[in-house]
Protein backbone atom coordinates (compact mmCIF):
# COMPACT_ATOMS: atom_id res chain seq x y z
CA MET A 1 0.00 0.00 0.00
CA ALA A 2 1.13 3.57 -0.72
CA ASP A 3 2.04 6.19 1.91
CA ALA A 4 -1.07 8.37 2.40
CA THR A 5 0.70 10.94 4.59
CA ALA A 6 3.32 11.69 1.95
CA GLU A 7 0.75 11.87 -0.87
CA LEU A 8 -1.78 13.96 1.02
CA THR A 9 0.98 16.34 2.14
CA ARG A 10 1.95 16.78 -1.53
CA LEU A 11 -1.67 17.32 -2.57
CA LEU A 12 -2.30 19.80 0.25
CA VAL A 13 0.73 21.87 -0.72
CA ARG A 14 -0.53 21.88 -4.32
CA TRP A 15 -4.08 22.81 -3.26
CA ARG A 16 -2.94 25.65 -0.97
CA ALA A 17 -1.04 27.23 -3.84
CA ALA A 18 -4.14 27.56 -6.07
CA ARG A 19 -7.20 26.27 -4.16
CA LEU A 20 -8.40 24.28 -7.17
CA GLU A 21 -11.63 22.34 -6.66
CA ARG A 22 -10.34 19.29 -8.51
CA THR A 23 -7.37 18.97 -6.14
CA SER A 24 -9.74 19.41 -3.22
CA ALA A 25 -11.88 16.55 -4.51
CA LEU A 26 -8.79 14.32 -4.75
CA ILE A 27 -7.78 15.14 -1.18
CA HIS A 28 -11.25 14.10 -0.02
CA ARG A 29 -11.15 10.90 -2.08
CA VAL A 30 -7.66 9.80 -1.05
CA GLY A 31 -8.53 10.53 2.58
CA GLU A 32 -11.56 8.24 2.33
CA LEU A 33 -9.41 5.40 0.91
CA VAL A 34 -6.87 5.34 3.77
CA ASP A 35 -6.85 2.06 5.69
CA PHE A 36 -7.54 3.49 9.15
CA THR A 37 -10.25 2.93 11.72
CA PRO A 38 -10.18 5.45 14.57
CA PRO A 39 -10.61 4.21 18.13
CA PRO A 40 -13.84 5.29 19.85
CA LEU A 41 -14.04 8.78 21.26
CA PRO A 42 -13.44 8.74 25.03
CA LYS A 43 -16.47 8.52 27.28
CA LYS A 44 -15.52 11.62 29.21
CA SER A 45 -16.83 15.14 29.35
CA LYS A 46 -17.40 16.76 25.97
CA ARG A 47 -14.54 19.19 26.57
CA ALA A 48 -12.15 16.34 27.41
CA ALA A 49 -13.27 14.48 24.29
CA VAL A 50 -12.56 17.59 22.16
CA ALA A 51 -9.06 17.90 23.65
CA GLU A 52 -8.25 14.23 23.00
CA TRP A 53 -9.62 14.40 19.46
CA LEU A 54 -7.52 17.49 18.70
CA ASP A 55 -4.39 15.87 20.11
CA ALA A 56 -4.96 12.69 18.12
CA THR A 57 -5.50 14.46 14.79
CA GLN A 58 -2.49 16.67 15.47
CA ARG A 59 -0.25 13.67 16.13
CA GLU A 60 -1.48 11.60 13.21
CA GLY A 61 -1.27 14.24 10.49
CA PRO A 62 -3.39 14.48 7.31
CA ALA A 63 -3.78 10.78 6.53
CA THR A 64 -6.28 9.94 9.27
CA LEU A 65 -8.26 13.18 9.18
CA SER A 66 -11.07 11.98 6.89
CA ALA A 67 -11.86 9.02 9.15
CA ARG A 68 -11.61 11.19 12.25
CA LEU A 69 -14.04 13.75 10.80
CA THR A 70 -16.54 11.02 9.93
CA GLN A 71 -16.23 9.80 13.50
CA LEU A 72 -16.88 13.34 14.78
CA VAL A 73 -20.20 13.93 12.98
CA PRO A 74 -22.53 12.02 15.36
CA TRP A 75 -20.69 13.48 18.35
CA LEU A 76 -21.41 17.02 17.09
CA ALA A 77 -25.14 16.31 17.06
CA GLU A 78 -25.06 15.55 20.80
CA ALA A 79 -22.60 18.23 21.95
CA SER A 80 -23.59 21.66 23.19
CA ALA A 81 -22.39 24.82 21.46
CA ALA A 82 -20.17 25.52 24.49
CA SER A 83 -18.33 22.26 23.82
CA THR A 84 -18.32 22.62 20.03
CA TRP A 85 -17.10 26.16 19.33
CA PRO A 86 -13.66 25.64 20.97
CA LEU A 87 -13.14 22.70 18.61
CA PHE A 88 -13.71 24.82 15.50
CA GLU A 89 -11.69 27.68 16.99
CA ALA A 90 -8.72 25.30 17.27
CA LEU A 91 -9.33 23.96 13.74
CA VAL A 92 -9.13 27.50 12.31
CA ALA A 93 -5.47 27.57 13.40
CA ARG A 94 -4.61 24.35 11.52
CA PRO A 95 -2.87 24.37 8.14
CA ALA A 96 -5.44 24.91 5.38
CA ASP A 97 -7.22 21.65 4.52
CA PRO A 98 -10.41 21.56 2.39
CA ARG A 99 -11.84 18.68 4.44
CA LEU A 100 -12.16 21.01 7.45
CA ALA A 101 -14.00 23.58 5.32
CA THR A 102 -16.34 20.84 4.09
CA LEU A 103 -17.30 19.87 7.65
CA ALA A 104 -17.90 23.52 8.60
CA ALA A 105 -19.92 24.17 5.43
CA ARG A 106 -22.03 21.07 6.05
CA ALA A 107 -22.74 22.31 9.57
CA LEU A 108 -23.72 25.77 8.30
CA THR A 109 -26.08 24.27 5.71
CA ARG A 110 -27.46 21.90 8.40
CA ASP A 111 -26.32 18.78 6.61
CA VAL A 112 -24.39 18.09 9.85
CA GLN A 113 -26.38 18.80 12.99
CA VAL A 114 -24.92 21.43 15.35
CA ASP A 115 -26.40 24.10 17.60
CA LEU A 116 -26.61 27.00 15.14
CA LYS A 117 -28.59 29.07 17.63
CA SER A 118 -25.18 29.92 19.07
CA ALA A 119 -23.80 33.02 17.32
CA ARG A 120 -20.35 32.18 18.68
CA LEU A 121 -20.37 28.73 17.08
CA ALA A 122 -21.73 30.12 13.80
CA ARG A 123 -18.86 32.62 13.67
CA ARG A 124 -16.30 29.88 14.29
CA LEU A 125 -17.80 27.76 11.50
CA LEU A 126 -17.64 30.69 9.11
CA ASN A 127 -14.03 31.36 10.14
CA CYS A 128 -13.27 27.73 9.37
CA VAL A 129 -14.66 28.03 5.83
CA GLU A 130 -12.76 31.29 5.32
CA ARG A 131 -9.49 29.65 6.44
CA HIS A 132 -9.84 26.24 4.80
CA GLY A 133 -12.27 26.70 1.91
CA ASP A 134 -12.21 27.23 -1.85
CA VAL A 135 -14.79 28.47 -4.34
CA GLY A 136 -16.62 25.13 -4.18
CA HIS A 137 -17.34 25.58 -0.49
CA TRP A 138 -18.67 29.12 -1.02
CA ARG A 139 -20.86 27.84 -3.84
CA ALA A 140 -22.31 25.29 -1.41
CA LEU A 141 -23.04 28.09 1.06
CA GLU A 142 -24.59 30.39 -1.52
CA LEU A 143 -28.07 28.99 -0.92
CA MET A 144 -27.70 28.99 2.85
CA SER A 145 -30.53 30.73 4.70
CA ARG A 146 -29.46 34.24 5.69
CA ARG A 147 -31.26 33.65 8.98
CA VAL A 148 -28.48 31.34 10.14
CA LEU A 149 -26.18 34.31 10.69
CA SER A 150 -27.90 37.44 11.95
CA GLY A 151 -26.78 40.97 12.77
CA ASP A 152 -23.07 41.61 12.28
CA GLY A 153 -22.55 37.96 11.44
CA ARG A 154 -24.85 38.19 8.45
CA GLY A 155 -23.03 41.21 7.03
CA ARG A 156 -19.69 39.47 7.35
CA PHE A 157 -21.10 36.32 5.75
CA GLU A 158 -22.28 38.36 2.76
CA ARG A 159 -18.84 39.94 2.32
CA LEU A 160 -16.98 36.65 2.61
CA LEU A 161 -19.42 34.90 0.31
CA LYS A 162 -18.91 37.51 -2.41
CA ALA A 163 -15.12 37.33 -2.07
CA GLY A 164 -15.19 33.53 -2.13
CA LEU A 165 -17.41 33.31 -5.21
CA ASP A 166 -15.40 35.98 -7.03
CA ALA A 167 -12.09 34.18 -6.46
CA ARG A 168 -10.51 32.95 -9.68
CA PRO A 169 -7.85 30.39 -8.73
CA GLU A 170 -5.17 29.72 -11.29
CA GLY A 171 -2.68 26.88 -11.49
CA PRO A 172 -2.02 23.54 -13.16
CA GLU A 173 -4.60 20.81 -12.68
CA LEU A 174 -3.50 17.22 -12.16
CA SER A 175 -3.75 15.12 -15.29
CA ASP A 176 -6.54 12.56 -15.70
CA GLY A 177 -3.96 9.79 -15.44
CA GLU A 178 -2.63 11.11 -12.12
CA CYS A 179 -6.15 11.43 -10.75
CA ALA A 180 -7.07 7.89 -11.78
CA ALA A 181 -3.90 6.48 -10.20
CA LEU A 182 -4.66 8.18 -6.92
CA VAL A 183 -8.19 6.82 -6.55
CA THR A 184 -7.55 3.23 -7.66
CA GLN A 185 -5.20 2.07 -4.94
CA LYS A 186 -5.20 1.45 -1.21
CA TRP A 187 -3.43 3.77 1.17
CA GLU A 188 -1.73 3.23 4.52
CA VAL A 189 -1.23 6.01 7.04
CA GLY A 190 2.56 6.42 6.68
CA VAL A 191 4.77 8.86 8.54
CA ALA A 192 5.54 12.52 7.87
CA GLU A 193 8.92 14.11 8.54
CA VAL A 194 9.60 17.75 9.28
CA ALA A 195 12.52 19.35 7.52
CA PRO A 196 14.89 20.33 10.39
CA ASP A 197 16.06 23.50 8.64
CA LEU A 198 12.61 25.11 9.01
CA PHE A 199 13.54 26.10 12.58
CA ALA A 200 16.79 27.59 11.31
CA HIS A 201 14.73 29.39 8.68
CA VAL A 202 12.74 31.09 11.47
CA TYR A 203 15.88 31.98 13.44
CA GLU A 204 17.40 33.63 10.35
CA ALA A 205 14.53 36.17 10.24
CA PRO A 206 12.62 35.98 13.54
CA ALA A 207 10.34 38.92 12.64
CA ASP A 208 9.03 37.14 9.52
CA ARG A 209 5.64 35.70 10.50
CA ALA A 210 5.34 33.83 7.20
CA ARG A 211 8.33 31.66 8.10
CA ARG A 212 6.72 30.74 11.39
CA GLN A 213 3.48 29.83 9.62
CA VAL A 214 5.34 27.56 7.18
CA LEU A 215 6.96 25.80 10.15
CA ALA A 216 3.61 25.55 11.96
CA ASP A 217 2.02 23.90 8.91
CA ALA A 218 4.86 21.40 8.56
CA LEU A 219 4.83 20.52 12.26
CA GLN A 220 1.06 20.04 12.31
CA GLU A 221 1.19 17.78 9.29
CA ALA A 222 3.80 15.72 11.15
CA GLY A 223 1.53 15.53 14.21
CA GLU A 224 3.74 17.77 16.39
CA PRO A 225 1.83 19.81 19.04
CA ARG A 226 4.31 22.67 18.63
CA GLY A 227 2.76 23.33 15.23
CA GLU A 228 -0.69 23.92 16.71
CA PHE A 229 0.81 26.16 19.39
CA ILE A 230 2.66 28.33 16.86
CA ALA A 231 -0.47 28.61 14.70
CA LEU A 232 -2.69 29.58 17.65
CA GLN A 233 -0.27 32.24 18.83
CA LEU A 234 0.13 33.66 15.33
CA ALA A 235 -3.67 33.88 15.03
CA GLN A 236 -4.00 35.15 18.64
CA GLU A 237 -6.74 32.61 19.29
CA GLY A 238 -7.50 29.71 21.62
CA GLU A 239 -5.94 31.07 24.82
CA ALA A 240 -7.10 28.10 26.91
CA ARG A 241 -5.68 25.64 24.37
CA GLN A 242 -2.39 27.57 24.28
CA GLN A 243 -2.07 27.30 28.06
CA ALA A 244 -2.83 23.58 27.98
CA LEU A 245 -0.12 23.00 25.37
CA LEU A 246 2.36 25.13 27.31
CA LYS A 247 1.65 23.25 30.52
CA ALA A 248 2.46 19.98 28.78
CA HIS A 249 5.46 21.12 26.73
CA ARG A 250 6.90 24.32 28.23
CA LYS A 251 10.15 22.70 29.40
CA ALA A 252 10.85 21.11 26.02
CA TRP A 253 10.04 24.32 24.14
CA LEU A 254 12.34 26.37 26.37
CA GLY A 255 15.13 24.26 24.92
CA PRO A 256 18.63 25.11 26.22
CA PHE A 257 17.23 27.70 28.66
CA ALA A 258 14.98 25.29 30.58
CA SER A 259 17.25 24.53 33.56
CA SER A 260 18.35 28.15 34.07
CA VAL A 261 15.06 30.07 34.13
CA GLU A 262 11.97 30.54 36.27
CA ALA A 263 9.46 28.88 33.95
CA ALA A 264 6.53 30.93 35.25
CA GLY A 265 8.31 34.15 34.28
CA CYS A 266 9.02 33.09 30.70
CA HIS A 267 6.67 34.02 27.86
CA PHE A 268 6.10 32.93 24.27
CA GLU A 269 5.02 35.04 21.30
CA GLY A 270 4.35 33.67 17.83
CA GLY A 271 5.10 30.18 19.12
CA PHE A 272 8.67 30.93 20.28
CA VAL A 273 10.13 32.11 23.56
CA SER A 274 10.19 35.92 23.73
CA GLU A 275 10.92 36.60 27.41
CA LEU A 276 13.26 34.77 29.79
CA ALA A 277 13.38 35.18 33.58
CA PHE A 278 16.77 33.85 34.64
CA LYS A 279 17.73 32.45 38.01
CA PRO A 280 21.11 33.68 39.39
CA LEU A 281 23.42 32.65 36.57
CA ARG A 282 27.07 31.61 36.66
CA ALA A 283 29.19 32.50 33.65
CA THR A 284 30.19 28.83 33.19
CA LYS A 285 26.54 27.80 32.92
CA PHE A 286 25.66 30.72 30.66
CA ASN A 287 28.50 29.76 28.34
CA THR A 288 26.74 26.48 27.50
CA PHE A 289 23.85 28.27 25.77
CA ALA A 290 25.15 31.82 25.17
CA ARG A 291 25.30 31.21 21.41
CA ALA A 292 22.26 28.98 21.03
CA PRO A 293 20.17 29.78 17.91
CA GLU A 294 17.05 29.91 20.13
CA TRP A 295 18.20 33.36 21.30
CA ALA A 296 17.05 34.78 17.96
CA THR A 297 13.40 35.17 19.09
CA VAL A 298 14.09 36.45 22.64
CA ARG A 299 13.09 40.10 23.07
CA ARG A 300 13.23 40.57 26.85
CA VAL A 301 15.40 39.22 29.67
CA ARG A 302 14.83 39.41 33.42
CA GLY A 303 17.94 38.87 35.54
CA ARG A 304 21.64 39.52 34.89
CA LEU A 305 23.45 38.32 31.77
CA PRO A 306 27.26 37.96 31.94
CA TRP A 307 27.59 39.19 28.34
CA LEU A 308 25.70 39.62 25.06
CA THR A 309 26.13 37.69 21.80
CA ALA A 310 25.32 38.15 18.13
CA GLN A 311 22.67 35.40 18.34
CA MET A 312 20.46 37.77 20.41
CA LYS A 313 19.32 39.49 17.24
CA SER A 314 15.81 40.41 18.57
CA LEU A 315 16.87 41.49 22.05
CA GLU A 316 15.28 44.81 23.06
CA ASP A 317 15.45 44.60 26.86
CA ALA A 318 18.66 42.96 28.11
CA GLY A 319 17.73 43.07 31.77
CA ASN A 320 20.65 43.86 34.10
CA LEU A 321 24.19 44.33 32.74
CA ASP A 322 27.39 45.41 34.47
CA GLY A 323 30.36 47.42 33.20
CA ASP A 324 32.29 44.33 32.05
CA ALA A 325 29.35 43.17 29.90
CA LEU A 326 29.04 46.63 28.34
CA ARG A 327 32.76 46.80 27.57
CA ALA A 328 32.60 43.36 25.96
CA TYR A 329 29.62 44.51 23.87
CA HIS A 330 31.62 47.57 22.75
CA ARG A 331 34.70 45.49 21.83
CA ALA A 332 32.63 42.96 19.87
CA ALA A 333 31.01 45.81 17.88
CA LEU A 334 27.60 44.18 18.24
CA ARG A 335 24.52 45.95 16.91
CA LEU A 336 21.55 44.58 18.82
CA PRO A 337 18.16 46.39 18.78
CA LEU A 338 18.39 47.31 22.47
CA THR A 339 15.85 49.87 23.67
CA THR A 340 15.67 49.14 27.42
CA LEU A 341 18.49 48.45 29.84
CA LEU A 342 19.32 48.32 33.54
CA VAL A 343 23.06 48.92 34.03
CA ASP A 344 24.82 48.38 37.36
CA LEU A 345 27.96 50.51 37.51
CA SER A 346 27.83 50.95 41.29
CA ALA A 347 30.94 48.82 41.78
CA GLU A 348 33.01 50.86 39.32
CA ALA A 349 35.80 52.83 40.98
CA GLY A 350 36.11 56.52 40.15
CA ARG A 351 34.66 58.12 37.06
CA VAL A 352 33.00 55.82 34.53
CA ASP A 353 33.34 56.32 30.78
CA LEU A 354 29.57 56.53 30.33
CA PRO A 355 29.58 57.77 26.72
CA GLY A 356 32.02 55.07 25.67
CA LEU A 357 29.98 52.34 27.35
CA LEU A 358 26.43 53.40 26.60
CA LEU A 359 26.40 55.54 23.48
CA THR A 360 27.17 52.42 21.45
CA LEU A 361 23.43 51.74 21.92
CA PRO A 362 21.85 54.28 19.55
CA GLY A 363 18.32 52.91 19.92
CA LEU A 364 18.29 53.07 23.73
CA ARG A 365 15.07 54.72 24.92
CA HIS A 366 14.75 53.60 28.57
CA LEU A 367 17.81 53.43 30.83
CA ASP A 368 17.95 52.48 34.51
CA LEU A 369 21.39 53.26 35.89
CA MET A 370 23.06 52.36 39.19
CA VAL A 371 25.96 54.78 39.45
CA ARG A 372 27.91 56.66 42.13
CA GLY A 373 29.58 60.07 42.14
CA ARG A 374 28.54 63.51 40.99
CA ALA A 375 30.88 63.42 37.98
CA ASN A 376 29.18 60.26 36.72
CA LEU A 377 25.73 61.77 37.29
CA GLU A 378 26.70 64.91 35.38
CA ALA A 379 28.12 62.80 32.53
CA THR A 380 24.85 60.87 32.39
CA PHE A 381 22.72 64.00 31.97
CA ALA A 382 25.20 65.70 29.60
CA ALA A 383 25.70 62.74 27.23
CA PRO A 384 24.28 63.27 23.72
CA TRP A 385 21.73 60.48 23.89
CA PRO A 386 20.23 60.04 20.42
CA ALA A 387 16.94 58.42 21.48
CA LEU A 388 16.75 58.24 25.30
CA THR A 389 13.38 59.43 26.66
CA SER A 390 13.29 58.07 30.22
CA LEU A 391 16.03 57.72 32.80
CA GLY A 392 15.97 55.88 36.12
CA LEU A 393 18.77 56.49 38.62
CA TRP A 394 19.95 54.75 41.76
CA PRO A 395 22.30 57.55 42.90
CA GLY A 396 23.18 56.15 46.31
CA ASP A 397 23.79 58.99 48.76
CA ASP A 398 23.95 61.55 45.94
CA GLY A 399 20.21 62.25 46.05
CA PHE A 400 20.44 66.05 46.10
CA PRO A 401 22.85 66.37 43.15
CA ALA A 402 20.77 63.85 41.20
CA LEU A 403 17.56 65.79 41.92
CA GLU A 404 19.11 69.13 40.89
CA LEU A 405 20.33 67.59 37.63
CA ALA A 406 16.92 65.97 37.02
CA LEU A 407 15.11 69.29 37.57
CA GLY A 408 17.24 70.85 34.86
CA ALA A 409 17.00 67.97 32.38
CA SER A 410 14.12 69.10 30.19
CA ARG A 411 14.97 66.79 27.27
CA PHE A 412 13.87 63.63 29.10
CA ASP A 413 10.18 62.72 29.26
CA ALA A 414 10.71 61.14 32.68
CA VAL A 415 13.49 60.91 35.28
CA ALA A 416 13.10 58.63 38.31
CA LEU A 417 15.30 58.79 41.42
CA HIS A 418 15.30 55.54 43.44
CA LEU A 419 16.50 56.22 46.97
CA PRO A 420 18.80 53.95 49.06
CA PHE A 421 16.26 52.86 51.68
CA GLY A 422 13.21 52.69 49.44
CA GLY A 423 10.97 55.35 48.04
CA ALA A 424 11.32 57.18 44.74
CA LEU A 425 10.69 60.53 43.11
CA THR A 426 9.73 60.63 39.44
CA LEU A 427 9.59 63.79 37.32
CA ARG A 428 7.38 63.49 34.27
CA ARG A 429 7.57 66.34 31.80
CA GLU A 430 4.43 68.11 30.64
CA VAL A 431 3.86 71.08 28.36
CA LYS A 432 3.77 73.60 31.21
CA GLY A 433 6.18 71.98 33.64
CA PHE A 434 6.45 68.58 35.28
CA GLU A 435 4.38 66.11 37.28
CA LEU A 436 5.97 64.84 40.50
CA VAL A 437 5.19 61.24 41.46
CA VAL A 438 6.07 60.30 45.05
CA GLU A 439 6.38 56.56 45.69
CA ASP A 440 6.56 55.12 49.21
CA ALA A 441 6.48 58.67 50.61
CA PRO A 442 7.52 57.87 54.25
CA ARG A 443 10.91 56.66 52.94
CA VAL A 444 11.61 59.82 50.94
CA PRO A 445 13.79 62.24 52.99
CA PRO A 446 11.61 65.31 53.82
CA GLU A 447 14.32 67.77 52.73
CA LEU A 448 14.58 66.05 49.33
CA LEU A 449 10.80 66.11 48.88
CA SER A 450 10.66 69.78 49.93
CA ARG A 451 13.27 70.68 47.32
CA ALA A 452 11.27 68.87 44.61
CA LEU A 453 8.09 70.72 45.64
CA GLU A 454 9.90 74.07 45.63
CA ALA A 455 10.63 73.54 41.93
CA GLY A 456 6.91 74.05 41.27
CA PRO A 457 5.41 70.86 39.82
CA VAL A 458 2.07 71.30 38.08
CA ARG A 459 0.76 68.17 39.78
CA VAL A 460 1.76 65.88 42.68
CA VAL A 461 0.73 62.22 42.69
CA ALA A 462 1.19 59.76 45.55
CA ALA A 463 1.82 56.21 44.29
CA GLY A 464 1.36 53.05 46.34
CA ARG A 465 -0.36 52.56 49.66
CA LEU A 466 -0.14 55.19 52.39
CA ARG A 467 -1.19 55.05 56.01
CA PRO A 468 -3.70 57.78 56.87
CA GLU A 469 -1.18 59.70 58.99
CA HIS A 470 1.43 59.63 56.20
CA GLU A 471 -1.11 60.76 53.61
CA ALA A 472 -2.26 63.62 55.88
CA SER A 473 1.35 64.74 56.35
CA LEU A 474 2.00 64.67 52.59
CA ARG A 475 -1.21 66.60 51.87
CA ALA A 476 -0.24 69.25 54.38
CA LEU A 477 3.17 69.60 52.75
CA THR A 478 1.74 69.97 49.24
CA SER A 479 -1.16 72.24 50.22
CA SER A 480 1.25 74.65 51.95
CA ARG A 481 2.66 75.24 48.47
CA GLY A 482 -0.71 75.59 46.83
CA LEU A 483 -0.66 72.08 45.31
CA ALA A 484 -3.32 69.37 45.45
CA LEU A 485 -2.30 65.78 46.12
CA GLU A 486 -3.69 63.20 43.72
CA ARG A 487 -3.93 59.45 44.31
């Protein structure tokens, strides 16, 4: 018997390129001829049955789908809309397959019984036809009662129907001989393989969504759950399903980072890790994955990195760096798209070469800086930052000099002073002056707060919780200068 997975994969690629009805008919016919009998659906809750059915069809690939869909039809007649719409929502994220559009179209035309009183389910069915259908499916829906979709749903149906019927697919049809050969033999399920370089293809251009979609399609056809996850995240759908997949596979999908991060603080976007929350990290451990290709999709880091590498081509927020890491970045002449940084230079002795260390980051917009000494503070404010809009400072005991410099720094949208024992003052620029935000007010030295109020803010805001006595004291201080305190 011939390999149905390989042949159906070839036919699906051909159909997706042109959406020809004849190729669609062959996919349906070959799928019906595959020697496969699905095991019974589990006798569990409807939601659990949906999850198991989705996992099975994902694992098995395109060869078993026709039999699985036939198995699903009587189940749909018994299931509630609340159990059914998540199924079709997940199917919308699958690689385009005309058999899925056929099931959805049959449900919309009431050839397959579902609860069409549910507007949510009707929308998911229509989305399924839009994603997986061709002109033949829209022709089948042309006579559908307009009462099935009402309100906004009806208007959208009309627009999609017109676009579907007006589509004029072009491309080579299979010859009569090829068609005859395909429908006159028996087919076994077979096994699909994913080309390993498709991951590398994504890492070469991590911002290219089309590359991720190609990988998602290939992985789904091979029965890999990562494919469904990538597709769902690209479509920004199926949040509950995404979380279920992450719970089962997060460690594997974190790849080389898995043993060094706090899993709960790591996030995925477009199916790939985009944020990493590192545990305290030794340089020897970091060296084992510092140049891993998986860095290509990481945009944000929480924790301290010993150094940066060229593989971090999407990195915007590098978390916490020290002077040695910045000097290494400068020597390596890297050009990463960094926009946000926390730099700890508090251990540096004497004056720090701030321009030499930080002005190699032309796209830097948000900088938090731990630095000591008035000379370093003055260099920070005087540096010709090309894009910096907000500055956060941990000035140690140099609070007064830092505040005076901040009051005169009109080119920053915001300057925050974080004080040694807690508390912070933030100056946010406005058209007619600045807004003063006081955080953890009892820990802000009164003389420092008084100096900030003397500068004449247009507004004073107290952030965080305050005990009544502390709030009363702060209100008295602001009102004595003719200012109202906002919460």
